[in-house]
C-alpha atoms as a PDB file:
ATOM      1  CA  UNK A   1      19.962  28.991 -35.192  1.00  0.00           C
ATOM      2  CA  UNK A   2      19.767  26.662 -32.224  1.00  0.00           C
ATOM      3  CA  UNK A   3      22.106  25.270 -29.666  1.00  0.00           C
ATOM      4  CA  UNK A   4      20.668  21.797 -30.079  1.00  0.00           C
ATOM      5  CA  UNK A   5      18.477  22.249 -27.021  1.00  0.00           C
ATOM      6  CA  UNK A   6      14.733  22.069 -27.717  1.00  0.00           C
ATOM      7  CA  UNK A   7      12.724  25.186 -27.024  1.00  0.00           C
ATOM      8  CA  UNK A   8      11.617  25.232 -23.410  1.00  0.00           C
ATOM      9  CA  UNK A   9       8.144  26.602 -22.794  1.00  0.00           C
ATOM     10  CA  UNK A  10       7.862  29.695 -20.684  1.00  0.00           C
ATOM     11  CA  UNK A  11       6.691  28.938 -17.159  1.00  0.00           C
ATOM     12  CA  UNK A  12       4.793  31.661 -15.357  1.00  0.00           C
ATOM     13  CA  UNK A  13       5.427  32.484 -11.698  1.00  0.00           C
ATOM     14  CA  UNK A  14       2.339  30.654 -10.415  1.00  0.00           C
ATOM     15  CA  UNK A  15       3.225  27.462 -12.275  1.00  0.00           C
ATOM     16  CA  UNK A  16       6.830  27.697 -11.101  1.00  0.00           C
ATOM     17  CA  UNK A  17       5.689  28.148  -7.496  1.00  0.00           C
ATOM     18  CA  UNK A  18       3.376  25.129  -7.649  1.00  0.00           C
ATOM     19  CA  UNK A  19       5.998  22.916  -9.311  1.00  0.00           C
ATOM     20  CA  UNK A  20       8.555  23.942  -6.699  1.00  0.00           C
ATOM     21  CA  UNK A  21       6.057  23.249  -3.905  1.00  0.00           C
ATOM     22  CA  UNK A  22       5.196  19.838  -5.378  1.00  0.00           C
ATOM     23  CA  UNK A  23       8.875  18.905  -5.586  1.00  0.00           C
ATOM     24  CA  UNK A  24       9.329  19.852  -1.922  1.00  0.00           C
ATOM     25  CA  UNK A  25       6.116  18.229  -0.674  1.00  0.00           C
ATOM     26  CA  UNK A  26       6.661  14.985  -2.579  1.00  0.00           C
ATOM     27  CA  UNK A  27      10.016  14.442  -0.853  1.00  0.00           C
ATOM     28  CA  UNK A  28       8.113  13.363   2.266  1.00  0.00           C
ATOM     29  CA  UNK A  29       5.943  10.910   0.324  1.00  0.00           C
ATOM     30  CA  UNK A  30       5.078   7.559   1.893  1.00  0.00           C
ATOM     31  CA  UNK A  31       5.447   4.335  -0.096  1.00  0.00           C
ATOM     32  CA  UNK A  32       3.129   1.394   0.525  1.00  0.00           C
ATOM     33  CA  UNK A  33       2.654  -2.258  -0.270  1.00  0.00           C
ATOM     34  CA  UNK A  34       4.958  -5.010  -1.408  1.00  0.00           C
ATOM     35  CA  UNK A  35       6.025  -3.082  -4.508  1.00  0.00           C
ATOM     36  CA  UNK A  36       6.534   0.207  -2.685  1.00  0.00           C
ATOM     37  CA  UNK A  37       3.843   2.091  -4.578  1.00  0.00           C
ATOM     38  CA  UNK A  38       3.774   5.857  -4.004  1.00  0.00           C
ATOM     39  CA  UNK A  39       0.936   6.815  -1.668  1.00  0.00           C
ATOM     40  CA  UNK A  40      -1.069   9.954  -2.451  1.00  0.00           C
ATOM     41  CA  UNK A  41       0.186  13.168  -0.921  1.00  0.00           C
ATOM     42  CA  UNK A  42      -2.042  13.943   2.087  1.00  0.00           C
ATOM     43  CA  UNK A  43      -3.558  17.407   2.580  1.00  0.00           C
ATOM     44  CA  UNK A  44      -1.573  17.690   5.816  1.00  0.00           C
ATOM     45  CA  UNK A  45       1.680  17.697   3.815  1.00  0.00           C
ATOM     46  CA  UNK A  46       0.427  20.703   1.860  1.00  0.00           C
ATOM     47  CA  UNK A  47      -0.645  22.407   5.090  1.00  0.00           C
ATOM     48  CA  UNK A  48       2.815  21.885   6.577  1.00  0.00           C
ATOM     49  CA  UNK A  49       4.419  23.283   3.436  1.00  0.00           C
ATOM     50  CA  UNK A  50       2.155  26.355   3.392  1.00  0.00           C
ATOM     51  CA  UNK A  51       2.755  26.958   7.103  1.00  0.00           C
ATOM     52  CA  UNK A  52       6.448  27.169   6.326  1.00  0.00           C
ATOM     53  CA  UNK A  53       6.216  28.842   2.900  1.00  0.00           C
ATOM     54  CA  UNK A  54       3.032  30.945   2.681  1.00  0.00           C
ATOM     55  CA  UNK A  55       1.556  31.507  -0.768  1.00  0.00           C
ATOM     56  CA  UNK A  56      -0.694  34.122  -2.348  1.00  0.00           C
ATOM     57  CA  UNK A  57      -2.317  31.325  -4.370  1.00  0.00           C
ATOM     58  CA  UNK A  58      -5.753  30.412  -3.045  1.00  0.00           C
ATOM     59  CA  UNK A  59      -5.637  27.182  -1.010  1.00  0.00           C
ATOM     60  CA  UNK A  60      -8.246  25.378  -3.116  1.00  0.00           C
ATOM     61  CA  UNK A  61      -6.326  26.078  -6.323  1.00  0.00           C
ATOM     62  CA  UNK A  62      -3.027  25.182  -4.676  1.00  0.00           C
ATOM     63  CA  UNK A  63      -4.422  21.856  -3.447  1.00  0.00           C
ATOM     64  CA  UNK A  64      -6.033  21.093  -6.809  1.00  0.00           C
ATOM     65  CA  UNK A  65      -2.793  21.741  -8.683  1.00  0.00           C
ATOM     66  CA  UNK A  66      -0.616  19.688  -6.319  1.00  0.00           C
ATOM     67  CA  UNK A  67      -3.103  16.795  -6.306  1.00  0.00           C
ATOM     68  CA  UNK A  68      -3.376  16.874 -10.128  1.00  0.00           C
ATOM     69  CA  UNK A  69       0.411  16.694 -10.508  1.00  0.00           C
ATOM     70  CA  UNK A  70       0.538  13.917  -7.930  1.00  0.00           C
ATOM     71  CA  UNK A  71      -2.227  11.941  -9.669  1.00  0.00           C
ATOM     72  CA  UNK A  72      -0.292  12.208 -12.943  1.00  0.00           C
ATOM     73  CA  UNK A  73       2.935  11.083 -11.220  1.00  0.00           C
ATOM     74  CA  UNK A  74       1.253   8.099  -9.562  1.00  0.00           C
ATOM     75  CA  UNK A  75      -0.498   7.077 -12.806  1.00  0.00           C
ATOM     76  CA  UNK A  76       2.840   7.200 -14.664  1.00  0.00           C
ATOM     77  CA  UNK A  77       4.499   5.183 -11.878  1.00  0.00           C
ATOM     78  CA  UNK A  78       1.744   2.551 -12.104  1.00  0.00           C
ATOM     79  CA  UNK A  79       2.045   2.318 -15.904  1.00  0.00           C
ATOM     80  CA  UNK A  80       5.824   1.896 -15.687  1.00  0.00           C
ATOM     81  CA  UNK A  81       5.442  -0.703 -12.947  1.00  0.00           C
ATOM     82  CA  UNK A  82       2.945  -2.681 -15.040  1.00  0.00           C
ATOM     83  CA  UNK A  83       5.302  -2.584 -18.068  1.00  0.00           C
ATOM     84  CA  UNK A  84       8.202  -3.772 -15.936  1.00  0.00           C
ATOM     85  CA  UNK A  85       6.085  -6.568 -14.459  1.00  0.00           C
ATOM     86  CA  UNK A  86       4.901  -7.670 -17.921  1.00  0.00           C
ATOM     87  CA  UNK A  87       8.498  -7.746 -19.149  1.00  0.00           C
ATOM     88  CA  UNK A  88       9.582  -9.767 -16.108  1.00  0.00           C
ATOM     89  CA  UNK A  89       6.676 -12.177 -16.600  1.00  0.00           C
ATOM     90  CA  UNK A  90       7.562 -12.616 -20.279  1.00  0.00           C
ATOM     91  CA  UNK A  91      11.175 -13.452 -19.407  1.00  0.00           C
ATOM     92  CA  UNK A  92      10.182 -16.028 -16.800  1.00  0.00           C
ATOM     93  CA  UNK A  93       7.734 -17.977 -19.023  1.00  0.00           C
ATOM     94  CA  UNK A  94       9.136 -21.158 -20.529  1.00  0.00           C
ATOM     95  CA  UNK A  95       9.654 -20.955 -24.276  1.00  0.00           C
ATOM     96  CA  UNK A  96       7.284 -22.983 -26.424  1.00  0.00           C
ATOM     97  CA  UNK A  97       8.768 -25.266 -29.058  1.00  0.00           C
END
């Protein structure tokens, strides 16, 4: 039967390339504001990556995929930040009697 590890979906070569590129590109991400929110990845970061590691994937599709992953990451970060802030606010409120 199984080794206890859930089945991992197959990842095609294009998806693997984009995920690898995103991981590399996002390492140079800027953080902004008092809470250190992740700034969006700029197109120039993708250009720099593709200058160094050329791809057969069309640039428009490459950009769209990287930006979609980044949007999802930033949305998740924001949701987690809001949950953490709500929990901190709840702890700091005086208890009603």
